[in-house]
Protein backbone atom coordinates (compact mmCIF):
# COMPACT_ATOMS: atom_id res chain seq x y z
CA UNK A 1 119.35 -31.73 8.26
CA UNK A 2 119.06 -31.53 11.88
CA UNK A 3 122.19 -29.45 12.05
CA UNK A 4 120.80 -27.21 9.29
CA UNK A 5 117.63 -26.80 11.24
CA UNK A 6 119.65 -25.90 14.28
CA UNK A 7 121.47 -23.28 12.30
CA UNK A 8 118.39 -21.89 10.44
CA UNK A 9 116.11 -21.72 13.41
CA UNK A 10 118.33 -19.34 15.48
CA UNK A 11 118.90 -17.28 12.39
CA UNK A 12 115.18 -17.09 11.70
CA UNK A 13 114.63 -16.17 15.32
CA UNK A 14 117.19 -13.40 15.16
CA UNK A 15 115.66 -12.03 11.98
CA UNK A 16 112.21 -12.25 13.42
CA UNK A 17 113.31 -10.52 16.66
CA UNK A 18 115.06 -7.79 14.76
CA UNK A 19 111.94 -7.26 12.61
CA UNK A 20 109.66 -7.06 15.63
CA UNK A 21 112.02 -4.65 17.33
CA UNK A 22 112.18 -2.51 14.18
CA UNK A 23 108.43 -2.43 13.91
CA UNK A 24 108.12 -1.50 17.62
CA UNK A 25 110.66 1.31 17.27
CA UNK A 26 108.91 2.65 14.22
CA UNK A 27 105.58 2.57 16.02
CA UNK A 28 107.08 4.36 19.06
CA UNK A 29 108.69 6.99 16.81
CA UNK A 30 105.39 7.67 15.15
CA UNK A 31 103.78 8.12 18.59
CA UNK A 32 106.46 10.61 19.65
CA UNK A 33 106.06 12.61 16.47
CA UNK A 34 102.32 12.86 17.02
CA UNK A 35 102.89 13.94 20.59
CA UNK A 36 105.40 16.55 19.50
CA UNK A 37 102.95 17.78 16.90
CA UNK A 38 100.25 18.16 19.56
CA UNK A 39 102.65 20.03 21.91
CA UNK A 40 103.66 22.32 19.08
CA UNK A 41 100.07 23.12 18.22
CA UNK A 42 99.23 23.71 21.91
CA UNK A 43 102.20 26.07 22.25
CA UNK A 44 101.14 27.97 19.16
CA UNK A 45 97.58 28.31 20.42
CA UNK A 46 98.80 29.44 23.88
CA UNK A 47 101.17 31.97 22.33
CA UNK A 48 98.38 33.42 20.20
CA UNK A 49 96.11 33.65 23.26
CA UNK A 50 98.91 35.40 25.18
CA UNK A 51 99.47 37.71 22.31
CA UNK A 52 95.79 38.65 22.17
CA UNK A 53 95.77 39.22 25.95
CA UNK A 54 98.85 41.47 25.79
CA UNK A 55 97.32 43.39 22.90
CA UNK A 56 94.15 43.92 24.88
CA UNK A 57 96.04 45.12 27.97
CA UNK A 58 98.12 47.46 25.84
CA UNK A 59 95.01 48.89 24.25
CA UNK A 60 93.44 49.40 27.71
CA UNK A 61 96.60 51.09 29.03
CA UNK A 62 96.76 53.37 26.01
CA UNK A 63 93.10 54.19 26.45
CA UNK A 64 93.61 55.07 30.13
CA UNK A 65 96.66 57.13 29.34
CA UNK A 66 94.82 59.02 26.65
CA UNK A 67 91.89 59.66 29.00
CA UNK A 68 94.32 60.95 31.70
CA UNK A 69 96.01 63.27 29.24
CA UNK A 70 92.68 64.56 28.02
CA UNK A 71 91.57 65.20 31.63
CA UNK A 72 94.81 67.06 32.47
CA UNK A 73 94.50 69.02 29.27
CA UNK A 74 90.95 70.08 30.19
CA UNK A 75 92.15 71.14 33.69
CA UNK A 76 94.98 73.18 32.18
CA UNK A 77 92.60 74.82 29.80
CA UNK A 78 90.30 75.71 32.73
CA UNK A 79 93.29 77.07 34.76
CA UNK A 80 94.42 79.13 31.79
CA UNK A 81 90.90 80.48 31.40
CA UNK A 82 90.82 81.47 35.09
CA UNK A 83 94.22 83.17 34.81
CA UNK A 84 93.06 84.94 31.70
CA UNK A 85 89.94 86.22 33.47
CA UNK A 86 92.05 87.42 36.44
CA UNK A 87 94.44 89.22 34.12
CA UNK A 88 91.53 90.88 32.40
CA UNK A 89 90.14 91.99 35.78
CA UNK A 90 93.53 93.36 36.79
CA UNK A 91 93.83 95.24 33.54
CA UNK A 92 90.39 96.71 34.12
CA UNK A 93 91.35 97.69 37.69
CA UNK A 94 94.61 99.21 36.51
CA UNK A 95 92.74 101.16 33.89
CA UNK A 96 90.33 102.44 36.54
CA UNK A 97 93.20 103.34 38.90
CA UNK A 98 95.07 105.02 36.09
CA UNK A 99 92.04 107.09 35.26
CA UNK A 100 91.56 107.94 38.95
CA UNK A 101 95.24 108.83 39.29
CA UNK A 102 95.02 111.11 36.29
CA UNK A 103 92.06 112.88 37.86
CA UNK A 104 93.91 113.22 41.19
CA UNK A 105 97.01 114.46 39.39
CA UNK A 106 94.98 117.11 37.68
CA UNK A 107 93.37 118.12 40.99
CA UNK A 108 96.81 118.23 42.68
CA UNK A 109 98.24 120.33 39.88
CA UNK A 110 95.33 122.73 40.18
CA UNK A 111 95.78 122.95 43.96
CA UNK A 112 99.54 123.40 43.58
CA UNK A 113 98.93 126.29 41.23
CA UNK A 114 96.53 127.78 43.76
CA UNK A 115 99.09 127.29 46.57
CA UNK A 116 101.81 128.94 44.49
CA UNK A 117 99.52 131.85 43.81
CA UNK A 118 98.71 132.06 47.54
CA UNK A 119 102.41 131.88 48.44
CA UNK A 120 103.16 134.72 46.08
CA UNK A 121 100.37 136.75 47.65
CA UNK A 122 101.69 135.93 51.19
CA UNK A 123 105.24 136.81 50.19
CA UNK A 124 104.05 140.12 48.83
CA UNK A 125 102.00 140.68 52.03
CA UNK A 126 105.00 139.70 54.17
CA UNK A 127 107.23 142.08 52.30
CA UNK A 128 104.71 144.89 52.80
CA UNK A 129 104.59 144.11 56.55
CA UNK A 130 108.38 143.98 56.73
CA UNK A 131 108.63 147.34 55.02
CA UNK A 132 105.97 148.75 57.36
CA UNK A 133 107.72 147.27 60.45
CA UNK A 134 111.10 148.63 59.33
CA UNK A 135 109.50 152.04 58.83
CA UNK A 136 107.82 151.97 62.25
CA UNK A 137 110.80 150.48 64.17
CA UNK A 138 113.41 152.50 62.40
CA UNK A 139 115.69 149.45 62.01
CA UNK A 140 116.33 147.01 59.24
CA UNK A 141 115.28 143.34 59.19
CA UNK A 142 118.88 142.19 59.67
CA UNK A 143 119.26 144.36 62.75
CA UNK A 144 115.97 143.06 64.16
CA UNK A 145 117.10 139.50 63.48
CA UNK A 146 120.36 140.09 65.35
CA UNK A 147 118.44 141.54 68.30
CA UNK A 148 116.08 138.54 68.37
CA UNK A 149 118.93 136.03 68.07
CA UNK A 150 120.79 137.73 70.92
CA UNK A 151 117.63 137.77 73.04
CA UNK A 152 116.91 134.09 72.40
CA UNK A 153 120.56 133.21 73.05
CA UNK A 154 120.55 134.98 76.43
CA UNK A 155 117.24 133.38 77.34
CA UNK A 156 118.51 129.92 76.34
CA UNK A 157 121.68 130.39 78.39
CA UNK A 158 119.64 131.44 81.40
CA UNK A 159 117.28 128.46 81.03
CA UNK A 160 120.25 126.13 80.59
CA UNK A 161 121.92 127.50 83.72
CA UNK A 162 118.68 127.14 85.69
CA UNK A 163 118.33 123.58 84.40
CA UNK A 164 121.93 122.76 85.33
CA UNK A 165 121.47 124.19 88.82
CA UNK A 166 118.27 122.19 89.21
CA UNK A 167 120.01 118.98 88.14
CA UNK A 168 122.91 119.61 90.54
CA UNK A 169 120.48 120.35 93.37
CA UNK A 170 118.42 117.25 92.61
CA UNK A 171 121.56 115.13 92.45
CA UNK A 172 122.74 116.48 95.79
CA UNK A 173 119.32 115.95 97.35
CA UNK A 174 119.02 112.45 95.90
CA UNK A 175 122.47 111.46 97.13
CA UNK A 176 121.73 112.79 100.61
CA UNK A 177 118.33 111.08 100.64
CA UNK A 178 119.84 107.80 99.44
CA UNK A 179 122.46 107.87 102.19
CA UNK A 180 119.79 108.75 104.76
CA UNK A 181 117.55 105.92 103.55
CA UNK A 182 120.40 103.42 103.86
CA UNK A 183 121.15 104.56 107.41
CA UNK A 184 117.50 104.67 108.50
CA UNK A 185 116.78 101.26 106.97
CA UNK A 186 119.78 99.80 108.77
CA UNK A 187 118.79 101.38 112.11
CA UNK A 188 115.21 100.15 111.83
CA UNK A 189 116.33 96.54 111.37
CA UNK A 190 117.94 96.22 114.82
CA UNK A 191 116.83 96.70 118.40
CA UNK A 192 119.09 96.54 121.46
CA UNK A 193 118.56 96.64 125.16
CA UNK A 194 119.35 99.62 127.36
CA UNK A 195 121.17 99.54 130.68
CA UNK A 196 122.01 102.13 133.29
CA UNK A 197 125.50 103.52 133.78
CA UNK A 198 126.46 102.67 137.35
CA UNK A 199 129.72 102.36 139.23
CA UNK A 200 127.98 101.22 142.40
CA UNK A 201 125.69 98.34 143.21
CA UNK A 202 123.85 97.28 146.33
CA UNK A 203 123.35 93.96 148.05
CA UNK A 204 120.13 93.40 149.94
CA UNK A 205 120.45 91.99 153.49
CA UNK A 206 117.88 89.96 155.41
CA UNK A 207 118.29 92.28 158.43
CA UNK A 208 120.54 94.99 159.78
CA UNK A 209 122.30 92.55 162.11
CA UNK A 210 124.01 91.09 159.07
CA UNK A 211 125.98 94.36 158.67
CA UNK A 212 127.88 93.62 161.90
CA UNK A 213 128.72 90.14 160.74
CA UNK A 214 129.98 91.52 157.42
CA UNK A 215 132.23 93.98 159.27
CA UNK A 216 133.46 91.30 161.66
CA UNK A 217 135.61 91.65 164.73
CA UNK A 218 137.69 94.84 164.39
CA UNK A 219 136.61 94.96 160.74
CA UNK A 220 138.61 91.90 159.63
CA UNK A 221 135.82 90.44 157.49
CA UNK A 222 135.18 93.61 155.51
CA UNK A 223 138.93 94.25 155.10
CA UNK A 224 139.45 90.71 153.82
CA UNK A 225 136.60 91.07 151.33
CA UNK A 226 137.84 94.47 150.11
CA UNK A 227 141.41 93.22 149.82
CA UNK A 228 140.51 90.08 147.87
CA UNK A 229 138.05 91.77 145.49
CA UNK A 230 139.57 95.25 145.18
CA UNK A 231 136.30 97.09 145.84
CA UNK A 232 135.01 99.56 148.42
CA UNK A 233 132.19 98.24 150.61
CA UNK A 234 130.10 101.05 152.09
CA UNK A 235 128.00 100.23 155.12
CA UNK A 236 125.88 103.19 156.18
CA UNK A 237 122.44 103.85 157.59
CA UNK A 238 120.67 102.47 154.56
CA UNK A 239 118.30 99.86 155.94
CA UNK A 240 119.00 96.25 154.98
CA UNK A 241 121.46 97.14 152.23
CA UNK A 242 125.22 97.33 151.62
CA UNK A 243 126.73 99.39 148.80
CA UNK A 244 129.67 98.11 146.71
CA UNK A 245 131.64 100.74 144.78
CA UNK A 246 134.28 100.04 142.13
CA UNK A 247 135.19 101.35 138.69
CA UNK A 248 136.18 97.85 137.52
CA UNK A 249 132.89 96.11 136.69
CA UNK A 250 134.40 92.61 136.80
CA UNK A 251 135.73 93.07 140.34
CA UNK A 252 132.44 94.69 141.33
CA UNK A 253 130.53 91.66 139.97
CA UNK A 254 132.83 89.25 141.86
CA UNK A 255 132.34 91.18 145.11
CA UNK A 256 128.58 91.37 144.68
CA UNK A 257 128.09 87.64 143.96
CA UNK A 258 130.51 86.65 146.74
CA UNK A 259 128.80 88.87 149.31
CA UNK A 260 125.37 87.58 148.29
CA UNK A 261 126.53 83.99 148.76
CA UNK A 262 128.14 84.78 152.11
CA UNK A 263 124.95 86.44 153.33
CA UNK A 264 122.88 83.46 152.15
CA UNK A 265 125.28 80.96 153.73
CA UNK A 266 125.62 82.90 156.97
CA UNK A 267 129.20 81.76 157.58
CA UNK A 268 131.26 84.93 157.29
CA UNK A 269 134.93 84.74 158.33
CA UNK A 270 138.23 85.37 156.49
CA UNK A 271 138.81 81.75 155.45
CA UNK A 272 135.26 81.36 154.13
CA UNK A 273 135.43 84.74 152.40
CA UNK A 274 138.65 83.72 150.60
CA UNK A 275 137.13 80.40 149.54
CA UNK A 276 133.95 82.01 148.21
CA UNK A 277 135.82 84.81 146.42
CA UNK A 278 138.10 82.31 144.64
CA UNK A 279 135.12 80.20 143.54
CA UNK A 280 133.14 83.23 142.35
CA UNK A 281 136.22 84.58 140.51
CA UNK A 282 136.51 81.32 138.56
CA UNK A 283 132.80 81.42 137.73
CA UNK A 284 132.97 85.05 136.60
CA UNK A 285 136.04 84.34 134.46
CA UNK A 286 134.17 81.43 132.89
CA UNK A 287 131.18 83.70 132.27
CA UNK A 288 133.51 86.29 130.72
CA UNK A 289 134.75 83.67 128.24
CA UNK A 290 131.21 82.44 127.54
CA UNK A 291 129.94 85.97 126.88
CA UNK A 292 132.78 86.53 124.42
CA UNK A 293 132.01 83.25 122.62
CA UNK A 294 128.29 84.08 122.58
CA UNK A 295 128.94 87.46 120.96
CA UNK A 296 131.07 85.81 118.26
CA UNK A 297 128.43 83.11 117.69
CA UNK A 298 125.58 85.64 117.44
CA UNK A 299 127.48 87.61 114.79
CA UNK A 300 128.84 84.59 112.90
CA UNK A 301 132.51 85.58 113.42
CA UNK A 302 135.10 82.80 113.67
CA UNK A 303 138.82 82.24 114.30
CA UNK A 304 139.25 84.53 117.31
CA UNK A 305 142.09 83.95 119.78
CA UNK A 306 141.34 83.20 123.44
CA UNK A 307 142.81 86.56 124.52
CA UNK A 308 140.42 88.31 122.18
CA UNK A 309 137.44 86.27 123.41
CA UNK A 310 138.25 87.10 127.06
CA UNK A 311 138.72 90.80 126.27
CA UNK A 312 135.34 90.77 124.50
CA UNK A 313 133.67 88.98 127.42
CA UNK A 314 134.92 91.61 129.89
CA UNK A 315 132.99 94.23 127.90
CA UNK A 316 129.79 92.52 129.09
CA UNK A 317 130.39 94.00 132.55
CA UNK A 318 131.38 97.48 131.36
CA UNK A 319 129.12 100.43 130.56
CA UNK A 320 129.74 103.70 128.75
CA UNK A 321 127.33 106.59 129.30
CA UNK A 322 124.63 104.13 130.26
CA UNK A 323 125.25 101.79 127.32
CA UNK A 324 126.57 98.26 127.80
CA UNK A 325 129.88 98.15 125.93
CA UNK A 326 129.52 94.58 124.63
CA UNK A 327 125.94 95.26 123.53
CA UNK A 328 127.18 98.46 121.89
CA UNK A 329 129.96 96.54 120.09
CA UNK A 330 127.47 93.95 118.82
CA UNK A 331 125.10 96.70 117.71
CA UNK A 332 127.90 98.47 115.85
CA UNK A 333 128.87 95.16 114.20
CA UNK A 334 125.29 94.56 113.05
CA UNK A 335 124.97 98.12 111.75
CA UNK A 336 128.34 97.91 110.00
CA UNK A 337 127.46 94.60 108.37
CA UNK A 338 124.19 96.02 107.04
CA UNK A 339 125.87 99.19 105.76
CA UNK A 340 128.65 97.14 104.15
CA UNK A 341 126.05 94.96 102.42
CA UNK A 342 124.21 98.07 101.17
CA UNK A 343 127.46 99.61 99.87
CA UNK A 344 128.94 96.40 98.45
CA UNK A 345 132.17 96.23 100.51
CA UNK A 346 133.77 93.41 102.52
CA UNK A 347 131.09 92.55 105.08
CA UNK A 348 133.13 90.13 107.21
CA UNK A 349 136.07 92.51 107.69
CA UNK A 350 133.68 95.35 108.52
CA UNK A 351 131.77 93.30 111.12
CA UNK A 352 135.01 92.04 112.68
CA UNK A 353 136.47 95.55 112.94
CA UNK A 354 133.19 96.87 114.37
CA UNK A 355 132.98 94.16 117.04
CA UNK A 356 136.60 94.75 118.13
CA UNK A 357 136.57 98.57 117.91
CA UNK A 358 136.15 98.98 121.73
CA UNK A 359 138.05 95.83 122.75
CA UNK A 360 140.69 98.02 124.41
CA UNK A 361 138.18 98.84 127.14
CA UNK A 362 138.44 95.24 128.34
CA UNK A 363 142.23 95.40 128.79
CA UNK A 364 143.73 96.29 132.17
CA UNK A 365 146.81 98.48 131.94
CA UNK A 366 148.82 100.86 134.08
CA UNK A 367 149.86 103.01 131.12
CA UNK A 368 148.23 106.12 129.73
CA UNK A 369 147.22 104.64 126.35
CA UNK A 370 143.61 105.08 125.34
CA UNK A 371 141.36 102.15 124.54
CA UNK A 372 141.83 102.54 120.76
CA UNK A 373 145.62 102.19 121.07
CA UNK A 374 145.27 99.25 123.44
CA UNK A 375 142.83 97.60 121.06
CA UNK A 376 145.20 98.06 118.10
CA UNK A 377 148.06 96.45 120.04
CA UNK A 378 145.90 93.48 121.03
CA UNK A 379 144.61 93.07 117.47
CA UNK A 380 148.19 93.04 116.13
CA UNK A 381 149.12 90.33 118.64
CA UNK A 382 146.05 88.35 117.57
CA UNK A 383 147.17 88.57 113.91
CA UNK A 384 144.10 90.44 112.69
CA UNK A 385 143.76 91.87 109.19
CA UNK A 386 145.34 95.36 108.76
CA UNK A 387 141.89 96.71 107.84
CA UNK A 388 140.49 95.44 111.15
CA UNK A 389 143.37 97.12 113.00
CA UNK A 390 142.67 100.35 111.13
CA UNK A 391 138.96 100.12 112.08
CA UNK A 392 139.93 99.85 115.76
CA UNK A 393 142.45 102.68 115.72
CA UNK A 394 140.47 105.14 113.61
CA UNK A 395 136.99 104.88 115.15
CA UNK A 396 137.79 107.97 117.31
CA UNK A 397 140.15 109.47 114.69
CA UNK A 398 143.28 108.59 116.67
CA UNK A 399 144.66 107.57 113.29
CA UNK A 400 143.41 108.31 109.79
CA UNK A 401 141.02 105.72 108.29
CA UNK A 402 142.75 104.04 105.35
CA UNK A 403 139.87 101.88 104.07
CA UNK A 404 136.14 102.17 103.48
CA UNK A 405 135.48 99.57 106.21
CA UNK A 406 136.98 101.91 108.84
CA UNK A 407 134.71 104.75 107.71
CA UNK A 408 131.67 102.47 107.97
CA UNK A 409 132.68 101.49 111.52
CA UNK A 410 132.93 105.19 112.43
CA UNK A 411 129.44 105.81 111.08
CA UNK A 412 127.95 102.77 112.82
CA UNK A 413 129.64 103.74 116.11
CA UNK A 414 128.14 107.22 115.89
CA UNK A 415 124.70 105.80 115.06
CA UNK A 416 124.78 103.40 118.00
CA UNK A 417 125.96 106.10 120.39
CA UNK A 418 123.41 108.71 119.24
CA UNK A 419 120.46 106.35 118.90
CA UNK A 420 117.59 107.63 121.07
CA UNK A 421 117.61 105.78 124.36
CA UNK A 422 121.11 104.37 123.88
CA UNK A 423 123.01 106.75 126.15
CA UNK A 424 122.48 109.32 128.85
CA UNK A 425 118.92 108.13 129.19
CA UNK A 426 117.38 105.31 131.18
CA UNK A 427 114.76 103.03 129.71
CA UNK A 428 112.01 104.67 131.77
CA UNK A 429 113.07 108.15 130.65
CA UNK A 430 113.24 106.96 127.05
CA UNK A 431 109.71 105.53 127.17
CA UNK A 432 108.49 108.64 128.96
CA UNK A 433 109.94 110.86 126.22
CA UNK A 434 108.11 108.86 123.55
CA UNK A 435 104.88 109.18 125.52
CA UNK A 436 105.44 112.95 125.81
CA UNK A 437 105.86 113.11 122.03
CA UNK A 438 102.50 111.43 121.51
CA UNK A 439 100.81 113.58 124.20
CA UNK A 440 102.04 116.80 122.58
CA UNK A 441 100.53 115.76 119.25
CA UNK A 442 97.28 114.51 120.77
CA UNK A 443 96.82 117.85 122.55
CA UNK A 444 96.08 119.62 119.25
CA UNK A 445 92.55 120.01 117.96
CA UNK A 446 91.57 117.56 115.22
CA UNK A 447 94.22 114.96 116.09
CA UNK A 448 92.73 111.48 116.50
CA UNK A 449 95.86 109.46 117.26
CA UNK A 450 99.63 109.90 117.35
CA UNK A 451 102.35 107.25 117.16
CA UNK A 452 106.07 107.71 117.93
CA UNK A 453 108.05 105.33 115.69
CA UNK A 454 111.66 104.71 114.62
CA UNK A 455 112.92 105.04 118.21
CA UNK A 456 111.37 108.50 118.51
CA UNK A 457 112.80 109.86 115.25
CA UNK A 458 109.39 110.11 113.58
CA UNK A 459 105.94 111.09 114.83
CA UNK A 460 103.00 109.95 112.70
CA UNK A 461 99.72 111.72 113.40
CA UNK A 462 96.27 110.73 112.15
CA UNK A 463 93.91 113.72 111.98
CA UNK A 464 90.14 113.92 111.61
CA UNK A 465 89.26 114.34 107.95
CA UNK A 466 86.17 116.48 108.63
CA UNK A 467 87.67 118.98 111.09
CA UNK A 468 91.15 119.29 109.46
CA UNK A 469 91.49 120.14 105.77
CA UNK A 470 94.68 120.06 103.70
CA UNK A 471 95.65 123.66 104.48
CA UNK A 472 95.04 123.25 108.18
CA UNK A 473 96.99 119.96 108.21
CA UNK A 474 100.15 121.84 107.17
CA UNK A 475 99.60 124.39 109.94
CA UNK A 476 99.05 121.63 112.52
CA UNK A 477 102.29 119.89 111.48
CA UNK A 478 104.30 123.10 111.85
CA UNK A 479 102.72 123.91 115.23
CA UNK A 480 103.44 120.41 116.58
CA UNK A 481 107.05 120.59 115.37
CA UNK A 482 107.55 123.98 117.08
CA UNK A 483 106.04 122.73 120.34
CA UNK A 484 108.29 119.66 120.32
CA UNK A 485 111.33 121.89 119.77
CA UNK A 486 110.39 124.12 122.68
CA UNK A 487 109.40 121.43 125.21
CA UNK A 488 111.62 118.39 124.58
CA UNK A 489 115.35 117.72 124.43
CA UNK A 490 116.49 114.98 122.05
CA UNK A 491 119.42 114.06 119.78
CA UNK A 492 119.06 114.47 116.02
CA UNK A 493 115.73 115.57 114.63
CA UNK A 494 112.14 114.33 114.69
CA UNK A 495 110.04 113.99 111.53
CA UNK A 496 106.38 114.99 111.95
CA UNK A 497 104.04 113.29 109.46
CA UNK A 498 100.35 114.20 109.19
CA UNK A 499 98.04 111.54 107.72
CA UNK A 500 94.64 112.71 106.48
CA UNK A 501 92.41 110.38 104.52
CA UNK A 502 88.76 109.79 103.69
CA UNK A 503 87.30 106.32 104.12
CA UNK A 504 83.79 105.52 102.91
CA UNK A 505 82.38 102.12 103.82
CA UNK A 506 79.07 100.66 102.66
CA UNK A 507 77.69 97.17 103.10
CA UNK A 508 75.72 95.20 100.49
CA UNK A 509 73.08 93.09 102.18
């Protein structure tokens, strides 16, 4: 029994547990089904709400789209109406213009008919005149036409020839004026000093007793000085002065400086004379070299040999017709450079040839060659450009110029030599001649002021506007020019310019 109970009780417990578990599972299943039913109903309700919302949005969008289309349609209708009105206006305008054009066409046709009628009348009148002219002249119209054509042809040929001659004359005048302007402009841009042409110089003495000391016992001092320097020392009755004469300017300069130092020192004897002469010779040689270098530096010319520099420096002590040769060479170089720049040729070669054109004058020689030949030989030894050598040799036409630079050097050399005041005229005489020019002009009635300009090549005269009219101004200019020709001597020609003007000045207070 007890064993049965032990068997039944576990079995009853199992059955009871299984029943409770089954009931619990059934209850839980029922709860899940209810929950699923609620979720399903919620989803359906949410979907319907979403559907309604989408339908409403769609209806709103369609409504907006329809309103937009209606608005665009109204605007298009309005635009079409405006275009239609414009087309109607254009049609009306075209109709008006067409009507106006028809009226104008009718008027033009009427006028054309009148013109044709008038032309016919004129042609008939012209024919009557032609017939009358043929009857009076006794020639036909063709013959008269030939005569007229021949007459016009001859007249045209004559006018053409006159015009050609005028053009040729103007071209010649313009070319000459252009060349003159280039030369005058170049001359005006430089100014050089003037020196006197002397082969003698004098040394001032403190007293006449110094002359005896210069001569020395039995003339040994003066003989020593003359022998060492190669000059002639002239001691005459000139008070407190000794004259040194020599054709070599370098030796003359050495003798002058040496004698001045001896006179200042007071010790005059052969040994002292020799010492001073040697020292002065070295100084003068150094000055010669420095003058040559200075000339090259002033002109911007480089690469010159020492022989060439010394030969250039010697020109500083030489004169030609009153013109310092080195100053003349520098002036010619400046003129040549300006002319070369104006004409567009090689400026450096032209300046170099111009500076060296008289270098032969600084070369001592016992031969009979002229300075152009000596200069060519020196330039060849110095290795100068063939054009430079040609400039040196051809500046006095010893050889033919073979380049444009040589021709320019010839022109510049002539300009420098013929420039007023450059040669055969001292500075005082030159200034005096300019003053005479102004005095001649100022001596005429009505002349207020006269100015000599361009180194005496032009005279500008200011006349009184009230006492000299335009006609009288021409007469005054001619009279002044004639008086200058009769009273003065000058190279070239002098331009007389009369200036007459009216100036009215008022002051606002």
